[in-house]
């Protein structure tokens, strides 16, 4: 699956839909493996830790919040072993235009809270 192809765009839309739904339901995190499984059920082969997954997650956040004003959907996706997002999430959250402050715990906690609040009525 290559970025910029119809296959990628369809998988990206599915990722956004899945993560929006999670955010609406209280912003409970989902593991990479469970997200991969949900994508497979929708006809998209996206391995949990290889290939396009990190790009899809970054693009989902960028598409939802291009100017950095909205919470990052990718905060919902966590590593099964730790229950925490991968380092890629924190790198995205700290770069422009997002520039989220605080240590990892504060940043992630605040982002999850913002997701639940923002999507509660959407």
PDB file of N, CA and C in Angstrom:
ATOM      1  N   UNK A   1       0.852  -1.175   0.000  1.00  0.00           N
ATOM      2  CA  UNK A   1       0.000   0.000   0.000  1.00  0.00           C
ATOM      3  C   UNK A   1       0.896   1.236   0.000  1.00  0.00           C
ATOM      4  N   UNK A   2       0.716   2.066  -0.987  1.00  0.00           N
ATOM      5  CA  UNK A   2       1.536   3.269  -1.124  1.00  0.00           C
ATOM      6  C   UNK A   2       0.726   4.519  -0.795  1.00  0.00           C
ATOM      7  N   UNK A   3       1.359   5.419  -0.069  1.00  0.00           N
ATOM      8  CA  UNK A   3       0.743   6.698   0.241  1.00  0.00           C
ATOM      9  C   UNK A   3       0.379   7.402  -1.059  1.00  0.00           C
ATOM     10  N   UNK A   4      -0.792   8.018  -1.085  1.00  0.00           N
ATOM     11  CA  UNK A   4      -1.231   8.734  -2.273  1.00  0.00           C
ATOM     12  C   UNK A   4      -2.074   7.911  -3.223  1.00  0.00           C
ATOM     13  N   UNK A   5      -2.177   6.613  -2.983  1.00  0.00           N
ATOM     14  CA  UNK A   5      -3.000   5.759  -3.838  1.00  0.00           C
ATOM     15  C   UNK A   5      -4.425   5.705  -3.306  1.00  0.00           C
ATOM     16  N   UNK A   6      -5.337   5.242  -4.134  1.00  0.00           N
ATOM     17  CA  UNK A   6      -6.724   5.100  -3.698  1.00  0.00           C
ATOM     18  C   UNK A   6      -6.817   4.118  -2.530  1.00  0.00           C
ATOM     19  N   UNK A   7      -6.040   3.048  -2.593  1.00  0.00           N
ATOM     20  CA  UNK A   7      -6.032   2.055  -1.512  1.00  0.00           C
ATOM     21  C   UNK A   7      -5.634   2.704  -0.182  1.00  0.00           C
ATOM     22  N   UNK A   8      -4.609   3.535  -0.215  1.00  0.00           N
ATOM     23  CA  UNK A   8      -4.149   4.231   0.986  1.00  0.00           C
ATOM     24  C   UNK A   8      -5.229   5.190   1.489  1.00  0.00           C
ATOM     25  N   UNK A   9      -5.799   5.973   0.590  1.00  0.00           N
ATOM     26  CA  UNK A   9      -6.833   6.939   0.982  1.00  0.00           C
ATOM     27  C   UNK A   9      -8.041   6.245   1.606  1.00  0.00           C
ATOM     28  N   UNK A  10      -8.425   5.105   1.063  1.00  0.00           N
ATOM     29  CA  UNK A  10      -9.550   4.356   1.630  1.00  0.00           C
ATOM     30  C   UNK A  10      -9.202   3.817   3.012  1.00  0.00           C
ATOM     31  N   UNK A  11      -7.984   3.337   3.181  1.00  0.00           N
ATOM     32  CA  UNK A  11      -7.545   2.864   4.498  1.00  0.00           C
ATOM     33  C   UNK A  11      -7.481   4.030   5.483  1.00  0.00           C
ATOM     34  N   UNK A  12      -7.022   5.190   5.026  1.00  0.00           N
ATOM     35  CA  UNK A  12      -6.959   6.376   5.877  1.00  0.00           C
ATOM     36  C   UNK A  12      -8.352   6.779   6.336  1.00  0.00           C
ATOM     37  N   UNK A  13      -9.306   6.793   5.436  1.00  0.00           N
ATOM     38  CA  UNK A  13     -10.683   7.122   5.820  1.00  0.00           C
ATOM     39  C   UNK A  13     -11.209   6.131   6.853  1.00  0.00           C
ATOM     40  N   UNK A  14     -10.867   4.857   6.693  1.00  0.00           N
ATOM     41  CA  UNK A  14     -11.294   3.840   7.658  1.00  0.00           C
ATOM     42  C   UNK A  14     -10.649   4.085   9.023  1.00  0.00           C
ATOM     43  N   UNK A  15      -9.365   4.421   9.044  1.00  0.00           N
ATOM     44  CA  UNK A  15      -8.683   4.722  10.307  1.00  0.00           C
ATOM     45  C   UNK A  15      -9.368   5.896  10.997  1.00  0.00           C
ATOM     46  N   UNK A  16      -9.638   6.954  10.259  1.00  0.00           N
ATOM     47  CA  UNK A  16     -10.292   8.133  10.833  1.00  0.00           C
ATOM     48  C   UNK A  16     -11.661   7.761  11.390  1.00  0.00           C
ATOM     49  N   UNK A  17     -12.426   7.000  10.646  1.00  0.00           N
ATOM     50  CA  UNK A  17     -13.756   6.589  11.096  1.00  0.00           C
ATOM     51  C   UNK A  17     -13.675   5.759  12.378  1.00  0.00           C
ATOM     52  N   UNK A  18     -12.759   4.812  12.424  1.00  0.00           N
ATOM     53  CA  UNK A  18     -12.595   3.964  13.611  1.00  0.00           C
ATOM     54  C   UNK A  18     -12.198   4.807  14.822  1.00  0.00           C
ATOM     55  N   UNK A  19     -11.232   5.689  14.644  1.00  0.00           N
ATOM     56  CA  UNK A  19     -10.753   6.489  15.770  1.00  0.00           C
ATOM     57  C   UNK A  19     -11.771   7.535  16.207  1.00  0.00           C
ATOM     58  N   UNK A  20     -12.505   8.114  15.287  1.00  0.00           N
ATOM     59  CA  UNK A  20     -13.586   9.037  15.675  1.00  0.00           C
ATOM     60  C   UNK A  20     -14.622   8.304  16.519  1.00  0.00           C
ATOM     61  N   UNK A  21     -14.970   7.107  16.103  1.00  0.00           N
ATOM     62  CA  UNK A  21     -15.944   6.308  16.842  1.00  0.00           C
ATOM     63  C   UNK A  21     -15.443   6.030  18.260  1.00  0.00           C
ATOM     64  N   UNK A  22     -14.175   5.671  18.389  1.00  0.00           N
ATOM     65  CA  UNK A  22     -13.588   5.438  19.718  1.00  0.00           C
ATOM     66  C   UNK A  22     -13.651   6.716  20.549  1.00  0.00           C
ATOM     67  N   UNK A  23     -13.322   7.839  19.931  1.00  0.00           N
ATOM     68  CA  UNK A  23     -13.332   9.112  20.650  1.00  0.00           C
ATOM     69  C   UNK A  23     -14.743   9.454  21.124  1.00  0.00           C
ATOM     70  N   UNK A  24     -15.740   9.192  20.296  1.00  0.00           N
ATOM     71  CA  UNK A  24     -17.135   9.461  20.668  1.00  0.00           C
ATOM     72  C   UNK A  24     -17.588   8.589  21.837  1.00  0.00           C
ATOM     73  N   UNK A  25     -16.985   7.427  21.966  1.00  0.00           N
ATOM     74  CA  UNK A  25     -17.373   6.475  23.010  1.00  0.00           C
ATOM     75  C   UNK A  25     -16.515   6.630  24.265  1.00  0.00           C
ATOM     76  N   UNK A  26     -15.967   7.798  24.486  1.00  0.00           N
ATOM     77  CA  UNK A  26     -15.211   8.064  25.692  1.00  0.00           C
ATOM     78  C   UNK A  26     -13.708   8.043  25.529  1.00  0.00           C
ATOM     79  N   UNK A  27     -13.228   7.891  24.318  1.00  0.00           N
ATOM     80  CA  UNK A  27     -11.796   7.950  23.996  1.00  0.00           C
ATOM     81  C   UNK A  27     -10.992   6.831  24.649  1.00  0.00           C
ATOM     82  N   UNK A  28     -11.547   5.628  24.652  1.00  0.00           N
ATOM     83  CA  UNK A  28     -10.795   4.470  25.153  1.00  0.00           C
ATOM     84  C   UNK A  28      -9.730   4.098  24.127  1.00  0.00           C
ATOM     85  N   UNK A  29      -8.496   3.947  24.564  1.00  0.00           N
ATOM     86  CA  UNK A  29      -7.423   3.583  23.627  1.00  0.00           C
ATOM     87  C   UNK A  29      -7.658   2.227  22.963  1.00  0.00           C
ATOM     88  N   UNK A  30      -7.034   2.037  21.820  1.00  0.00           N
ATOM     89  CA  UNK A  30      -7.091   0.794  21.054  1.00  0.00           C
ATOM     90  C   UNK A  30      -5.650   0.403  20.714  1.00  0.00           C
ATOM     91  N   UNK A  31      -5.345  -0.881  20.800  1.00  0.00           N
ATOM     92  CA  UNK A  31      -3.981  -1.319  20.486  1.00  0.00           C
ATOM     93  C   UNK A  31      -3.762  -1.311  18.978  1.00  0.00           C
ATOM     94  N   UNK A  32      -2.508  -1.268  18.596  1.00  0.00           N
ATOM     95  CA  UNK A  32      -2.160  -1.353  17.177  1.00  0.00           C
ATOM     96  C   UNK A  32      -2.734  -2.627  16.570  1.00  0.00           C
ATOM     97  N   UNK A  33      -2.619  -3.735  17.295  1.00  0.00           N
ATOM     98  CA  UNK A  33      -3.127  -5.012  16.795  1.00  0.00           C
ATOM     99  C   UNK A  33      -4.628  -5.001  16.598  1.00  0.00           C
ATOM    100  N   UNK A  34      -5.358  -4.423  17.552  1.00  0.00           N
ATOM    101  CA  UNK A  34      -6.813  -4.355  17.422  1.00  0.00           C
ATOM    102  C   UNK A  34      -7.225  -3.423  16.284  1.00  0.00           C
ATOM    103  N   UNK A  35      -6.506  -2.327  16.119  1.00  0.00           N
ATOM    104  CA  UNK A  35      -6.793  -1.432  14.997  1.00  0.00           C
ATOM    105  C   UNK A  35      -6.528  -2.146  13.677  1.00  0.00           C
ATOM    106  N   UNK A  36      -5.424  -2.873  13.605  1.00  0.00           N
ATOM    107  CA  UNK A  36      -5.105  -3.643  12.403  1.00  0.00           C
ATOM    108  C   UNK A  36      -6.209  -4.653  12.102  1.00  0.00           C
ATOM    109  N   UNK A  37      -6.707  -5.325  13.147  1.00  0.00           N
ATOM    110  CA  UNK A  37      -7.791  -6.287  12.978  1.00  0.00           C
ATOM    111  C   UNK A  37      -9.071  -5.637  12.495  1.00  0.00           C
ATOM    112  N   UNK A  38      -9.392  -4.478  13.050  1.00  0.00           N
ATOM    113  CA  UNK A  38     -10.595  -3.757  12.622  1.00  0.00           C
ATOM    114  C   UNK A  38     -10.462  -3.310  11.171  1.00  0.00           C
ATOM    115  N   UNK A  39      -9.292  -2.861  10.794  1.00  0.00           N
ATOM    116  CA  UNK A  39      -9.068  -2.481   9.395  1.00  0.00           C
ATOM    117  C   UNK A  39      -9.206  -3.691   8.477  1.00  0.00           C
ATOM    118  N   UNK A  40      -8.702  -4.842   8.903  1.00  0.00           N
ATOM    119  CA  UNK A  40      -8.819  -6.067   8.101  1.00  0.00           C
ATOM    120  C   UNK A  40     -10.282  -6.443   7.904  1.00  0.00           C
ATOM    121  N   UNK A  41     -11.089  -6.288   8.954  1.00  0.00           N
ATOM    122  CA  UNK A  41     -12.531  -6.584   8.835  1.00  0.00           C
ATOM    123  C   UNK A  41     -13.206  -5.668   7.814  1.00  0.00           C
ATOM    124  N   UNK A  42     -12.615  -4.506   7.600  1.00  0.00           N
ATOM    125  CA  UNK A  42     -13.157  -3.552   6.622  1.00  0.00           C
ATOM    126  C   UNK A  42     -12.477  -3.678   5.261  1.00  0.00           C
ATOM    127  N   UNK A  43     -11.640  -4.692   5.116  1.00  0.00           N
ATOM    128  CA  UNK A  43     -11.025  -4.960   3.821  1.00  0.00           C
ATOM    129  C   UNK A  43      -9.684  -4.304   3.564  1.00  0.00           C
ATOM    130  N   UNK A  44      -9.024  -3.821   4.615  1.00  0.00           N
ATOM    131  CA  UNK A  44      -7.737  -3.137   4.464  1.00  0.00           C
ATOM    132  C   UNK A  44      -6.653  -3.927   5.182  1.00  0.00           C
ATOM    133  N   UNK A  45      -5.644  -4.362   4.445  1.00  0.00           N
ATOM    134  CA  UNK A  45      -4.533  -5.098   5.044  1.00  0.00           C
ATOM    135  C   UNK A  45      -3.472  -4.098   5.496  1.00  0.00           C
ATOM    136  N   UNK A  46      -3.454  -3.844   6.803  1.00  0.00           N
ATOM    137  CA  UNK A  46      -2.487  -2.911   7.388  1.00  0.00           C
ATOM    138  C   UNK A  46      -1.867  -3.601   8.604  1.00  0.00           C
ATOM    139  N   UNK A  47      -0.650  -4.117   8.474  1.00  0.00           N
ATOM    140  CA  UNK A  47       0.001  -4.758   9.619  1.00  0.00           C
ATOM    141  C   UNK A  47       0.109  -3.793  10.803  1.00  0.00           C
ATOM    142  N   UNK A  48       0.036  -4.345  12.000  1.00  0.00           N
ATOM    143  CA  UNK A  48       0.026  -3.521  13.211  1.00  0.00           C
ATOM    144  C   UNK A  48       1.268  -2.650  13.363  1.00  0.00           C
ATOM    145  N   UNK A  49       2.428  -3.183  13.034  1.00  0.00           N
ATOM    146  CA  UNK A  49       3.655  -2.441  13.331  1.00  0.00           C
ATOM    147  C   UNK A  49       4.551  -2.211  12.124  1.00  0.00           C
ATOM    148  N   UNK A  50       4.098  -2.571  10.967  1.00  0.00           N
ATOM    149  CA  UNK A  50       4.920  -2.427   9.763  1.00  0.00           C
ATOM    150  C   UNK A  50       4.165  -1.639   8.706  1.00  0.00           C
ATOM    151  N   UNK A  51       4.862  -1.349   7.639  1.00  0.00           N
ATOM    152  CA  UNK A  51       4.219  -0.760   6.473  1.00  0.00           C
ATOM    153  C   UNK A  51       3.595   0.588   6.739  1.00  0.00           C
ATOM    154  N   UNK A  52       2.355   0.762   6.300  1.00  0.00           N
ATOM    155  CA  UNK A  52       1.748   2.091   6.309  1.00  0.00           C
ATOM    156  C   UNK A  52       1.145   2.544   7.639  1.00  0.00           C
ATOM    157  N   UNK A  53       1.068   1.681   8.655  1.00  0.00           N
ATOM    158  CA  UNK A  53       0.373   2.061   9.893  1.00  0.00           C
ATOM    159  C   UNK A  53       0.849   3.394  10.469  1.00  0.00           C
ATOM    160  N   UNK A  54       2.148   3.624  10.680  1.00  0.00           N
ATOM    161  CA  UNK A  54       2.531   4.915  11.266  1.00  0.00           C
ATOM    162  C   UNK A  54       2.154   6.105  10.391  1.00  0.00           C
ATOM    163  N   UNK A  55       2.211   5.931   9.084  1.00  0.00           N
ATOM    164  CA  UNK A  55       1.838   7.017   8.169  1.00  0.00           C
ATOM    165  C   UNK A  55       0.339   7.283   8.216  1.00  0.00           C
ATOM    166  N   UNK A  56      -0.437   6.216   8.290  1.00  0.00           N
ATOM    167  CA  UNK A  56      -1.890   6.367   8.385  1.00  0.00           C
ATOM    168  C   UNK A  56      -2.274   7.104   9.668  1.00  0.00           C
ATOM    169  N   UNK A  57      -1.630   6.763  10.774  1.00  0.00           N
ATOM    170  CA  UNK A  57      -1.958   7.412  12.043  1.00  0.00           C
ATOM    171  C   UNK A  57      -1.577   8.891  12.024  1.00  0.00           C
ATOM    172  N   UNK A  58      -0.403   9.185  11.505  1.00  0.00           N
ATOM    173  CA  UNK A  58      -0.002  10.590  11.407  1.00  0.00           C
ATOM    174  C   UNK A  58      -0.953  11.345  10.482  1.00  0.00           C
ATOM    175  N   UNK A  59      -1.256  10.772   9.338  1.00  0.00           N
ATOM    176  CA  UNK A  59      -2.143  11.440   8.384  1.00  0.00           C
ATOM    177  C   UNK A  59      -3.552  11.613   8.936  1.00  0.00           C
ATOM    178  N   UNK A  60      -4.019  10.670   9.744  1.00  0.00           N
ATOM    179  CA  UNK A  60      -5.343  10.804  10.365  1.00  0.00           C
ATOM    180  C   UNK A  60      -5.364  12.021  11.283  1.00  0.00           C
ATOM    181  N   UNK A  61      -4.321  12.182  12.083  1.00  0.00           N
ATOM    182  CA  UNK A  61      -4.247  13.337  12.978  1.00  0.00           C
ATOM    183  C   UNK A  61      -4.132  14.639  12.197  1.00  0.00           C
ATOM    184  N   UNK A  62      -3.300  14.644  11.172  1.00  0.00           N
ATOM    185  CA  UNK A  62      -3.102  15.855  10.370  1.00  0.00           C
ATOM    186  C   UNK A  62      -4.381  16.229   9.629  1.00  0.00           C
ATOM    187  N   UNK A  63      -5.069  15.250   9.095  1.00  0.00           N
ATOM    188  CA  UNK A  63      -6.300  15.534   8.358  1.00  0.00           C
ATOM    189  C   UNK A  63      -7.368  16.108   9.287  1.00  0.00           C
ATOM    190  N   UNK A  64      -7.469  15.579  10.495  1.00  0.00           N
ATOM    191  CA  UNK A  64      -8.474  16.063  11.443  1.00  0.00           C
ATOM    192  C   UNK A  64      -8.103  17.421  12.030  1.00  0.00           C
ATOM    193  N   UNK A  65      -6.819  17.689  12.155  1.00  0.00           N
ATOM    194  CA  UNK A  65      -6.378  18.933  12.788  1.00  0.00           C
ATOM    195  C   UNK A  65      -5.176  19.522  12.056  1.00  0.00           C
ATOM    196  N   UNK A  66      -5.387  20.009  10.833  1.00  0.00           N
ATOM    197  CA  UNK A  66      -4.251  20.531  10.062  1.00  0.00           C
ATOM    198  C   UNK A  66      -3.582  21.747  10.698  1.00  0.00           C
ATOM    199  N   UNK A  67      -4.342  22.503  11.481  1.00  0.00           N
ATOM    200  CA  UNK A  67      -3.770  23.704  12.097  1.00  0.00           C
ATOM    201  C   UNK A  67      -3.357  23.484  13.548  1.00  0.00           C
ATOM    202  N   UNK A  68      -3.551  22.273  14.070  1.00  0.00           N
ATOM    203  CA  UNK A  68      -3.141  21.964  15.435  1.00  0.00           C
ATOM    204  C   UNK A  68      -4.138  22.318  16.510  1.00  0.00           C
ATOM    205  N   UNK A  69      -5.307  22.813  16.129  1.00  0.00           N
ATOM    206  CA  UNK A  69      -6.271  23.270  17.132  1.00  0.00           C
ATOM    207  C   UNK A  69      -7.097  22.143  17.755  1.00  0.00           C
ATOM    208  N   UNK A  70      -7.213  21.021  17.068  1.00  0.00           N
ATOM    209  CA  UNK A  70      -8.023  19.910  17.576  1.00  0.00           C
ATOM    210  C   UNK A  70      -7.130  18.814  18.141  1.00  0.00           C
ATOM    211  N   UNK A  71      -7.693  17.971  19.009  1.00  0.00           N
ATOM    212  CA  UNK A  71      -6.893  16.878  19.566  1.00  0.00           C
ATOM    213  C   UNK A  71      -6.478  15.875  18.494  1.00  0.00           C
ATOM    214  N   UNK A  72      -5.394  15.179  18.754  1.00  0.00           N
ATOM    215  CA  UNK A  72      -4.808  14.246  17.796  1.00  0.00           C
ATOM    216  C   UNK A  72      -5.427  12.855  17.936  1.00  0.00           C
ATOM    217  N   UNK A  73      -6.096  12.405  16.881  1.00  0.00           N
ATOM    218  CA  UNK A  73      -6.729  11.086  16.901  1.00  0.00           C
ATOM    219  C   UNK A  73      -5.741   9.966  17.195  1.00  0.00           C
ATOM    220  N   UNK A  74      -4.514  10.110  16.749  1.00  0.00           N
ATOM    221  CA  UNK A  74      -3.537   9.034  16.933  1.00  0.00           C
ATOM    222  C   UNK A  74      -3.187   8.792  18.399  1.00  0.00           C
ATOM    223  N   UNK A  75      -3.595   9.683  19.295  1.00  0.00           N
ATOM    224  CA  UNK A  75      -3.376   9.458  20.731  1.00  0.00           C
ATOM    225  C   UNK A  75      -4.103   8.211  21.213  1.00  0.00           C
ATOM    226  N   UNK A  76      -5.129   7.802  20.492  1.00  0.00           N
ATOM    227  CA  UNK A  76      -5.929   6.648  20.904  1.00  0.00           C
ATOM    228  C   UNK A  76      -5.250   5.312  20.647  1.00  0.00           C
ATOM    229  N   UNK A  77      -4.211   5.290  19.842  1.00  0.00           N
ATOM    230  CA  UNK A  77      -3.585   4.025  19.443  1.00  0.00           C
ATOM    231  C   UNK A  77      -2.353   3.772  20.310  1.00  0.00           C
ATOM    232  N   UNK A  78      -2.369   2.617  20.992  1.00  0.00           N
ATOM    233  CA  UNK A  78      -1.327   2.311  21.974  1.00  0.00           C
ATOM    234  C   UNK A  78      -0.687   0.951  21.718  1.00  0.00           C
ATOM    235  N   UNK A  79       0.479   0.788  22.284  1.00  0.00           N
ATOM    236  CA  UNK A  79       1.172  -0.495  22.248  1.00  0.00           C
ATOM    237  C   UNK A  79       0.517  -1.436  23.255  1.00  0.00           C
ATOM    238  N   UNK A  80       0.251  -2.648  22.854  1.00  0.00           N
ATOM    239  CA  UNK A  80      -0.429  -3.612  23.718  1.00  0.00           C
ATOM    240  C   UNK A  80       0.352  -3.863  25.008  1.00  0.00           C
ATOM    241  N   UNK A  81       1.663  -3.989  24.901  1.00  0.00           N
ATOM    242  CA  UNK A  81       2.488  -4.329  26.060  1.00  0.00           C
ATOM    243  C   UNK A  81       2.539  -3.232  27.115  1.00  0.00           C
ATOM    244  N   UNK A  82       2.505  -1.985  26.694  1.00  0.00           N
ATOM    245  CA  UNK A  82       2.674  -0.875  27.638  1.00  0.00           C
ATOM    246  C   UNK A  82       1.400  -0.083  27.893  1.00  0.00           C
ATOM    247  N   UNK A  83       0.465  -0.114  26.937  1.00  0.00           N
ATOM    248  CA  UNK A  83      -0.724   0.718  27.051  1.00  0.00           C
ATOM    249  C   UNK A  83      -0.459   2.178  26.717  1.00  0.00           C
ATOM    250  N   UNK A  84       0.708   2.450  26.142  1.00  0.00           N
ATOM    251  CA  UNK A  84       1.109   3.814  25.795  1.00  0.00           C
ATOM    252  C   UNK A  84       1.268   3.955  24.290  1.00  0.00           C
ATOM    253  N   UNK A  85       1.099   5.177  23.774  1.00  0.00           N
ATOM    254  CA  UNK A  85       1.378   5.406  22.353  1.00  0.00           C
ATOM    255  C   UNK A  85       2.863   5.181  22.065  1.00  0.00           C
ATOM    256  N   UNK A  86       3.169   4.989  20.811  1.00  0.00           N
ATOM    257  CA  UNK A  86       4.574   4.833  20.416  1.00  0.00           C
ATOM    258  C   UNK A  86       5.256   6.199  20.409  1.00  0.00           C
ATOM    259  N   UNK A  87       6.562   6.175  20.254  1.00  0.00           N
ATOM    260  CA  UNK A  87       7.324   7.416  20.204  1.00  0.00           C
ATOM    261  C   UNK A  87       6.915   8.325  19.064  1.00  0.00           C
ATOM    262  N   UNK A  88       6.399   7.747  17.974  1.00  0.00           N
ATOM    263  CA  UNK A  88       5.963   8.551  16.841  1.00  0.00           C
ATOM    264  C   UNK A  88       4.847   9.514  17.202  1.00  0.00           C
ATOM    265  N   UNK A  89       3.947   9.086  18.099  1.00  0.00           N
ATOM    266  CA  UNK A  89       2.870   9.979  18.531  1.00  0.00           C
ATOM    267  C   UNK A  89       3.448  11.205  19.226  1.00  0.00           C
ATOM    268  N   UNK A  90       4.375  10.979  20.143  1.00  0.00           N
ATOM    269  CA  UNK A  90       4.932  12.098  20.903  1.00  0.00           C
ATOM    270  C   UNK A  90       5.740  13.041  20.012  1.00  0.00           C
ATOM    271  N   UNK A  91       6.432  12.499  19.022  1.00  0.00           N
ATOM    272  CA  UNK A  91       7.159  13.349  18.070  1.00  0.00           C
ATOM    273  C   UNK A  91       6.186  14.231  17.299  1.00  0.00           C
ATOM    274  N   UNK A  92       5.087  13.644  16.823  1.00  0.00           N
ATOM    275  CA  UNK A  92       4.072  14.416  16.102  1.00  0.00           C
ATOM    276  C   UNK A  92       3.476  15.492  17.005  1.00  0.00           C
ATOM    277  N   UNK A  93       3.128  15.121  18.223  1.00  0.00           N
ATOM    278  CA  UNK A  93       2.468  16.048  19.139  1.00  0.00           C
ATOM    279  C   UNK A  93       3.350  17.238  19.505  1.00  0.00           C
ATOM    280  N   UNK A  94       4.644  17.056  19.445  1.00  0.00           N
ATOM    281  CA  UNK A  94       5.553  18.131  19.853  1.00  0.00           C
ATOM    282  C   UNK A  94       6.025  19.007  18.698  1.00  0.00           C
ATOM    283  N   UNK A  95       5.764  18.594  17.477  1.00  0.00           N
ATOM    284  CA  UNK A  95       6.226  19.412  16.350  1.00  0.00           C
ATOM    285  C   UNK A  95       5.124  20.396  15.921  1.00  0.00           C
ATOM    286  N   UNK A  96       5.520  21.386  15.147  1.00  0.00           N
ATOM    287  CA  UNK A  96       4.566  22.374  14.636  1.00  0.00           C
ATOM    288  C   UNK A  96       3.605  21.674  13.674  1.00  0.00           C
ATOM    289  N   UNK A  97       2.346  22.054  13.651  1.00  0.00           N
ATOM    290  CA  UNK A  97       1.721  23.152  14.385  1.00  0.00           C
ATOM    291  C   UNK A  97       1.152  22.734  15.741  1.00  0.00           C
ATOM    292  N   UNK A  98       1.388  21.499  16.168  1.00  0.00           N
ATOM    293  CA  UNK A  98       0.755  20.981  17.392  1.00  0.00           C
ATOM    294  C   UNK A  98       1.434  21.500  18.649  1.00  0.00           C
ATOM    295  N   UNK A  99       2.737  21.324  18.745  1.00  0.00           N
ATOM    296  CA  UNK A  99       3.545  21.858  19.850  1.00  0.00           C
ATOM    297  C   UNK A  99       2.892  21.660  21.211  1.00  0.00           C
ATOM    298  N   UNK A 100       2.487  20.424  21.487  1.00  0.00           N
ATOM    299  CA  UNK A 100       1.861  20.123  22.772  1.00  0.00           C
ATOM    300  C   UNK A 100       2.913  20.170  23.879  1.00  0.00           C
ATOM    301  N   UNK A 101       2.611  20.880  24.986  1.00  0.00           N
ATOM    302  CA  UNK A 101       3.574  20.999  26.084  1.00  0.00           C
ATOM    303  C   UNK A 101       3.473  19.826  27.063  1.00  0.00           C
ATOM    304  N   UNK A 102       4.433  19.768  27.963  1.00  0.00           N
ATOM    305  CA  UNK A 102       4.393  18.814  29.063  1.00  0.00           C
ATOM    306  C   UNK A 102       5.170  17.544  28.799  1.00  0.00           C
ATOM    307  N   UNK A 103       5.361  16.787  29.876  1.00  0.00           N
ATOM    308  CA  UNK A 103       6.029  15.499  29.736  1.00  0.00           C
ATOM    309  C   UNK A 103       5.067  14.519  29.068  1.00  0.00           C
ATOM    310  N   UNK A 104       5.547  13.329  28.777  1.00  0.00           N
ATOM    311  CA  UNK A 104       4.733  12.359  28.041  1.00  0.00           C
ATOM    312  C   UNK A 104       3.411  12.059  28.744  1.00  0.00           C
ATOM    313  N   UNK A 105       3.447  11.877  30.060  1.00  0.00           N
ATOM    314  CA  UNK A 105       2.232  11.531  30.809  1.00  0.00           C
ATOM    315  C   UNK A 105       1.206  12.652  30.702  1.00  0.00           C
ATOM    316  N   UNK A 106       1.621  13.869  30.986  1.00  0.00           N
ATOM    317  CA  UNK A 106       0.698  15.006  30.948  1.00  0.00           C
ATOM    318  C   UNK A 106       0.172  15.238  29.537  1.00  0.00           C
ATOM    319  N   UNK A 107       1.056  15.166  28.563  1.00  0.00           N
ATOM    320  CA  UNK A 107       0.662  15.401  27.174  1.00  0.00           C
ATOM    321  C   UNK A 107      -0.394  14.389  26.737  1.00  0.00           C
ATOM    322  N   UNK A 108      -0.112  13.101  26.949  1.00  0.00           N
ATOM    323  CA  UNK A 108      -1.033  12.063  26.490  1.00  0.00           C
ATOM    324  C   UNK A 108      -2.356  12.119  27.250  1.00  0.00           C
ATOM    325  N   UNK A 109      -2.295  12.297  28.566  1.00  0.00           N
ATOM    326  CA  UNK A 109      -3.515  12.377  29.371  1.00  0.00           C
ATOM    327  C   UNK A 109      -4.396  13.524  28.892  1.00  0.00           C
ATOM    328  N   UNK A 110      -3.796  14.664  28.670  1.00  0.00           N
ATOM    329  CA  UNK A 110      -4.541  15.842  28.208  1.00  0.00           C
ATOM    330  C   UNK A 110      -5.141  15.598  26.818  1.00  0.00           C
ATOM    331  N   UNK A 111      -4.394  14.941  25.955  1.00  0.00           N
ATOM    332  CA  UNK A 111      -4.886  14.692  24.593  1.00  0.00           C
ATOM    333  C   UNK A 111      -6.089  13.745  24.620  1.00  0.00           C
ATOM    334  N   UNK A 112      -6.036  12.705  25.441  1.00  0.00           N
ATOM    335  CA  UNK A 112      -7.164  11.775  25.575  1.00  0.00           C
ATOM    336  C   UNK A 112      -8.387  12.512  26.124  1.00  0.00           C
ATOM    337  N   UNK A 113      -8.190  13.345  27.128  1.00  0.00           N
ATOM    338  CA  UNK A 113      -9.301  14.126  27.690  1.00  0.00           C
ATOM    339  C   UNK A 113      -9.906  15.047  26.639  1.00  0.00           C
ATOM    340  N   UNK A 114      -9.060  15.691  25.856  1.00  0.00           N
ATOM    341  CA  UNK A 114      -9.542  16.597  24.804  1.00  0.00           C
ATOM    342  C   UNK A 114     -10.310  15.835  23.730  1.00  0.00           C
ATOM    343  N   UNK A 115      -9.837  14.634  23.393  1.00  0.00           N
ATOM    344  CA  UNK A 115     -10.550  13.815  22.404  1.00  0.00           C
ATOM    345  C   UNK A 115     -11.946  13.473  22.900  1.00  0.00           C
ATOM    346  N   UNK A 116     -12.051  13.012  24.139  1.00  0.00           N
ATOM    347  CA  UNK A 116     -13.353  12.641  24.697  1.00  0.00           C
ATOM    348  C   UNK A 116     -14.291  13.844  24.711  1.00  0.00           C
ATOM    349  N   UNK A 117     -13.776  14.986  25.112  1.00  0.00           N
ATOM    350  CA  UNK A 117     -14.588  16.200  25.169  1.00  0.00           C
ATOM    351  C   UNK A 117     -15.013  16.660  23.774  1.00  0.00           C
ATOM    352  N   UNK A 118     -14.068  16.716  22.858  1.00  0.00           N
ATOM    353  CA  UNK A 118     -14.350  17.222  21.512  1.00  0.00           C
ATOM    354  C   UNK A 118     -15.355  16.347  20.762  1.00  0.00           C
ATOM    355  N   UNK A 119     -15.206  15.041  20.868  1.00  0.00           N
ATOM    356  CA  UNK A 119     -16.049  14.141  20.083  1.00  0.00           C
ATOM    357  C   UNK A 119     -17.317  13.701  20.813  1.00  0.00           C
ATOM    358  N   UNK A 120     -17.510  14.114  22.053  1.00  0.00           N
ATOM    359  CA  UNK A 120     -18.679  13.688  22.829  1.00  0.00           C
ATOM    360  C   UNK A 120     -19.992  14.046  22.140  1.00  0.00           C
ATOM    361  N   UNK A 121     -20.019  15.158  21.448  1.00  0.00           N
ATOM    362  CA  UNK A 121     -21.262  15.614  20.815  1.00  0.00           C
ATOM    363  C   UNK A 121     -21.194  15.557  19.295  1.00  0.00           C
ATOM    364  N   UNK A 122     -20.211  14.853  18.750  1.00  0.00           N
ATOM    365  CA  UNK A 122     -20.057  14.788  17.293  1.00  0.00           C
ATOM    366  C   UNK A 122     -20.413  13.430  16.756  1.00  0.00           C
TER     367      UNK A 122
END
